[in-house]
Amino acid sequence: MMKRIVSTVLIVLFIILCVVLFAMTSHAESNPYGEPFLAEATYYCDDGITASGKQVRSGIAAAKKEWIGKTAILYEADQDGSVGQLIGIYEIEDTGGDQRIKDGKVIDIYLEDYGQCVENGRVDVYVQIVDAKG
C-alpha cells in the first residue's frame, strides 16, 4: 500500500515538473533575427544613387551586399561591452567599396551634412540585421 502511494506521488510530481518546464520553454522570448553583433559605424554624405537604384537620403545605410533590402538596427556599444541605447533604424540600400563593409564588419550611415559625418567619425556599435523595411 505504501509503495503505491509513493509511486503515485512520484508520478504526480514528475507530471507537474514536465508541465512547468514546458510552460517555461514555450513562453520564452526568442529573437528570430539573431543577436546584435559588434561592428564599426562610419558615415558618408556623398549624393547619388545607391546600389539598389534609389536616391541616397537620410535613413539609408551602406553595408554588406547580401543585406540590401533589409533593415539595420544600431545600438550604442557601452564601455563594458554590452548593448546600449538604440541609435537608429536604417534601410540597407547601398554597398561600399571598403573590404570591411563587404565583410559585414562596418556599416556606413548616410548623413546629409559633411560636418555631422566628421563629428560622428567612427564608432563601435551593435548591429542587428532584420528582414524588414525600415
C-alpha atoms as a PDB file:
ATOM      1  CA  MET A   1       0.000   0.000   0.000  1.00  0.00           C
ATOM      2  CA  MET A   2       2.810   2.402   0.937  1.00  0.00           C
ATOM      3  CA  LYS A   3       4.671   1.637  -2.314  1.00  0.00           C
ATOM      4  CA  ARG A   4       1.571   2.512  -4.311  1.00  0.00           C
ATOM      5  CA  ILE A   5       1.226   5.899  -2.533  1.00  0.00           C
ATOM      6  CA  VAL A   6       4.914   6.736  -3.045  1.00  0.00           C
ATOM      7  CA  SER A   7       4.722   5.710  -6.707  1.00  0.00           C
ATOM      8  CA  THR A   8       1.607   7.830  -7.255  1.00  0.00           C
ATOM      9  CA  VAL A   9       3.197  10.867  -5.577  1.00  0.00           C
ATOM     10  CA  LEU A  10       6.345  10.486  -7.681  1.00  0.00           C
ATOM     11  CA  ILE A  11       4.308  10.221 -10.887  1.00  0.00           C
ATOM     12  CA  VAL A  12       2.282  13.318  -9.981  1.00  0.00           C
ATOM     13  CA  LEU A  13       5.469  15.263  -9.177  1.00  0.00           C
ATOM     14  CA  PHE A  14       7.010  14.188 -12.478  1.00  0.00           C
ATOM     15  CA  ILE A  15       3.936  15.345 -14.407  1.00  0.00           C
ATOM     16  CA  ILE A  16       3.951  18.701 -12.608  1.00  0.00           C
ATOM     17  CA  LEU A  17       7.655  19.143 -13.361  1.00  0.00           C
ATOM     18  CA  CYS A  18       7.091  18.375 -17.061  1.00  0.00           C
ATOM     19  CA  VAL A  19       4.215  20.859 -17.283  1.00  0.00           C
ATOM     20  CA  VAL A  20       6.260  23.602 -15.612  1.00  0.00           C
ATOM     21  CA  LEU A  21       9.270  23.011 -17.872  1.00  0.00           C
ATOM     22  CA  PHE A  22       7.070  23.008 -20.976  1.00  0.00           C
ATOM     23  CA  ALA A  23       5.393  26.253 -19.920  1.00  0.00           C
ATOM     24  CA  MET A  24       8.749  27.917 -19.296  1.00  0.00           C
ATOM     25  CA  THR A  25      10.181  26.981 -22.690  1.00  0.00           C
ATOM     26  CA  SER A  26       7.060  27.753 -24.696  1.00  0.00           C
ATOM     27  CA  HIS A  27       6.775  31.292 -23.295  1.00  0.00           C
ATOM     28  CA  ALA A  28      10.456  32.147 -23.560  1.00  0.00           C
ATOM     29  CA  GLU A  29      11.096  35.182 -25.747  1.00  0.00           C
ATOM     30  CA  SER A  30      13.313  34.302 -28.664  1.00  0.00           C
ATOM     31  CA  ASN A  31      14.992  36.601 -31.125  1.00  0.00           C
ATOM     32  CA  PRO A  32      14.217  35.396 -34.658  1.00  0.00           C
ATOM     33  CA  TYR A  33      16.859  37.709 -36.144  1.00  0.00           C
ATOM     34  CA  GLY A  34      19.850  36.661 -34.077  1.00  0.00           C
ATOM     35  CA  GLU A  35      21.762  38.616 -31.531  1.00  0.00           C
ATOM     36  CA  PRO A  36      23.185  42.063 -32.284  1.00  0.00           C
ATOM     37  CA  PHE A  37      26.851  41.852 -33.274  1.00  0.00           C
ATOM     38  CA  LEU A  38      29.675  44.305 -32.740  1.00  0.00           C
ATOM     39  CA  ALA A  39      30.704  46.345 -35.781  1.00  0.00           C
ATOM     40  CA  GLU A  40      32.010  49.783 -36.644  1.00  0.00           C
ATOM     41  CA  ALA A  41      29.763  52.588 -37.869  1.00  0.00           C
ATOM     42  CA  THR A  42      31.147  55.139 -40.281  1.00  0.00           C
ATOM     43  CA  TYR A  43      29.326  57.980 -42.016  1.00  0.00           C
ATOM     44  CA  TYR A  44      29.136  59.257 -45.570  1.00  0.00           C
ATOM     45  CA  CYS A  45      27.472  62.240 -47.242  1.00  0.00           C
ATOM     46  CA  ASP A  46      28.032  61.681 -50.972  1.00  0.00           C
ATOM     47  CA  ASP A  47      24.914  62.341 -53.030  1.00  0.00           C
ATOM     48  CA  GLY A  48      23.975  59.902 -55.724  1.00  0.00           C
ATOM     49  CA  ILE A  49      22.204  56.670 -56.437  1.00  0.00           C
ATOM     50  CA  THR A  50      22.528  53.673 -54.125  1.00  0.00           C
ATOM     51  CA  ALA A  51      23.490  50.175 -55.226  1.00  0.00           C
ATOM     52  CA  SER A  52      19.790  49.297 -55.106  1.00  0.00           C
ATOM     53  CA  GLY A  53      18.993  52.132 -57.546  1.00  0.00           C
ATOM     54  CA  LYS A  54      17.416  54.524 -55.027  1.00  0.00           C
ATOM     55  CA  GLN A  55      18.434  58.105 -54.366  1.00  0.00           C
ATOM     56  CA  VAL A  56      20.669  58.490 -51.303  1.00  0.00           C
ATOM     57  CA  ARG A  57      18.742  60.018 -48.376  1.00  0.00           C
ATOM     58  CA  SER A  58      18.566  60.070 -44.597  1.00  0.00           C
ATOM     59  CA  GLY A  59      17.778  56.674 -43.156  1.00  0.00           C
ATOM     60  CA  ILE A  60      19.935  54.810 -45.701  1.00  0.00           C
ATOM     61  CA  ALA A  61      22.954  52.685 -44.853  1.00  0.00           C
ATOM     62  CA  ALA A  62      25.658  51.027 -46.910  1.00  0.00           C
ATOM     63  CA  ALA A  63      26.545  47.517 -45.816  1.00  0.00           C
ATOM     64  CA  LYS A  64      27.286  44.012 -46.989  1.00  0.00           C
ATOM     65  CA  LYS A  65      25.785  43.341 -50.446  1.00  0.00           C
ATOM     66  CA  GLU A  66      23.728  40.382 -49.176  1.00  0.00           C
ATOM     67  CA  TRP A  67      21.936  42.692 -46.733  1.00  0.00           C
ATOM     68  CA  ILE A  68      20.479  45.044 -49.359  1.00  0.00           C
ATOM     69  CA  GLY A  69      16.726  45.308 -48.818  1.00  0.00           C
ATOM     70  CA  LYS A  70      16.999  44.523 -45.104  1.00  0.00           C
ATOM     71  CA  THR A  71      16.984  46.829 -42.118  1.00  0.00           C
ATOM     72  CA  ALA A  72      19.836  47.512 -39.720  1.00  0.00           C
ATOM     73  CA  ILE A  73      19.040  48.388 -36.125  1.00  0.00           C
ATOM     74  CA  LEU A  74      22.007  50.112 -34.481  1.00  0.00           C
ATOM     75  CA  TYR A  75      22.676  50.263 -30.748  1.00  0.00           C
ATOM     76  CA  GLU A  76      25.393  52.021 -28.787  1.00  0.00           C
ATOM     77  CA  ALA A  77      28.247  49.823 -27.596  1.00  0.00           C
ATOM     78  CA  ASP A  78      28.552  50.548 -23.882  1.00  0.00           C
ATOM     79  CA  GLN A  79      32.008  50.829 -22.337  1.00  0.00           C
ATOM     80  CA  ASP A  80      31.537  47.491 -20.585  1.00  0.00           C
ATOM     81  CA  GLY A  81      30.947  45.840 -23.973  1.00  0.00           C
ATOM     82  CA  SER A  82      27.204  45.412 -23.578  1.00  0.00           C
ATOM     83  CA  VAL A  83      24.438  46.529 -25.932  1.00  0.00           C
ATOM     84  CA  GLY A  84      23.381  50.080 -25.100  1.00  0.00           C
ATOM     85  CA  GLN A  85      20.684  52.511 -26.191  1.00  0.00           C
ATOM     86  CA  LEU A  86      19.088  52.489 -29.640  1.00  0.00           C
ATOM     87  CA  ILE A  87      20.904  54.740 -32.127  1.00  0.00           C
ATOM     88  CA  GLY A  88      18.584  54.324 -35.091  1.00  0.00           C
ATOM     89  CA  ILE A  89      16.975  52.161 -37.724  1.00  0.00           C
ATOM     90  CA  TYR A  90      18.360  52.235 -41.272  1.00  0.00           C
ATOM     91  CA  GLU A  91      17.349  50.714 -44.594  1.00  0.00           C
ATOM     92  CA  ILE A  92      20.279  48.965 -46.217  1.00  0.00           C
ATOM     93  CA  GLU A  93      20.117  50.174 -49.822  1.00  0.00           C
ATOM     94  CA  ASP A  94      23.773  50.725 -50.605  1.00  0.00           C
ATOM     95  CA  THR A  95      27.127  48.959 -50.513  1.00  0.00           C
ATOM     96  CA  GLY A  96      30.596  50.324 -50.164  1.00  0.00           C
ATOM     97  CA  GLY A  97      33.949  49.739 -51.770  1.00  0.00           C
ATOM     98  CA  ASP A  98      35.761  49.148 -48.490  1.00  0.00           C
ATOM     99  CA  GLN A  99      36.521  45.467 -47.872  1.00  0.00           C
ATOM    100  CA  ARG A 100      35.408  45.783 -44.236  1.00  0.00           C
ATOM    101  CA  ILE A 101      31.931  46.853 -45.436  1.00  0.00           C
ATOM    102  CA  LYS A 102      31.865  43.912 -47.854  1.00  0.00           C
ATOM    103  CA  ASP A 103      32.778  41.595 -44.950  1.00  0.00           C
ATOM    104  CA  GLY A 104      29.978  42.937 -42.731  1.00  0.00           C
ATOM    105  CA  LYS A 105      32.353  44.480 -40.186  1.00  0.00           C
ATOM    106  CA  VAL A 106      31.417  48.102 -40.986  1.00  0.00           C
ATOM    107  CA  ILE A 107      28.097  49.797 -41.652  1.00  0.00           C
ATOM    108  CA  ASP A 108      28.203  53.187 -43.363  1.00  0.00           C
ATOM    109  CA  ILE A 109      25.358  55.543 -42.427  1.00  0.00           C
ATOM    110  CA  TYR A 110      24.277  58.346 -44.755  1.00  0.00           C
ATOM    111  CA  LEU A 111      24.109  61.845 -43.272  1.00  0.00           C
ATOM    112  CA  GLU A 112      23.247  64.944 -45.302  1.00  0.00           C
ATOM    113  CA  ASP A 113      25.813  67.182 -43.632  1.00  0.00           C
ATOM    114  CA  TYR A 114      29.564  66.680 -44.075  1.00  0.00           C
ATOM    115  CA  GLY A 115      30.212  68.308 -40.677  1.00  0.00           C
ATOM    116  CA  GLN A 116      27.999  65.717 -38.984  1.00  0.00           C
ATOM    117  CA  CYS A 117      29.914  62.928 -40.741  1.00  0.00           C
ATOM    118  CA  VAL A 118      33.216  64.287 -39.449  1.00  0.00           C
ATOM    119  CA  GLU A 119      31.768  64.892 -35.973  1.00  0.00           C
ATOM    120  CA  ASN A 120      30.425  61.327 -35.715  1.00  0.00           C
ATOM    121  CA  GLY A 121      33.631  59.806 -37.103  1.00  0.00           C
ATOM    122  CA  ARG A 122      33.981  56.084 -36.481  1.00  0.00           C
ATOM    123  CA  VAL A 123      32.275  54.444 -33.553  1.00  0.00           C
ATOM    124  CA  ASP A 124      31.761  50.899 -32.301  1.00  0.00           C
ATOM    125  CA  VAL A 125      28.117  49.851 -32.428  1.00  0.00           C
ATOM    126  CA  TYR A 126      25.988  46.771 -32.163  1.00  0.00           C
ATOM    127  CA  VAL A 127      24.115  45.938 -35.349  1.00  0.00           C
ATOM    128  CA  GLN A 128      21.074  43.731 -35.717  1.00  0.00           C
ATOM    129  CA  ILE A 129      20.016  42.860 -39.258  1.00  0.00           C
ATOM    130  CA  VAL A 130      16.262  42.428 -39.701  1.00  0.00           C
ATOM    131  CA  ASP A 131      14.496  41.082 -42.757  1.00  0.00           C
ATOM    132  CA  ALA A 132      12.129  44.050 -42.998  1.00  0.00           C
ATOM    133  CA  LYS A 133      11.834  47.512 -44.481  1.00  0.00           C
ATOM    134  CA  GLY A 134      12.915  50.338 -42.155  1.00  0.00           C
END
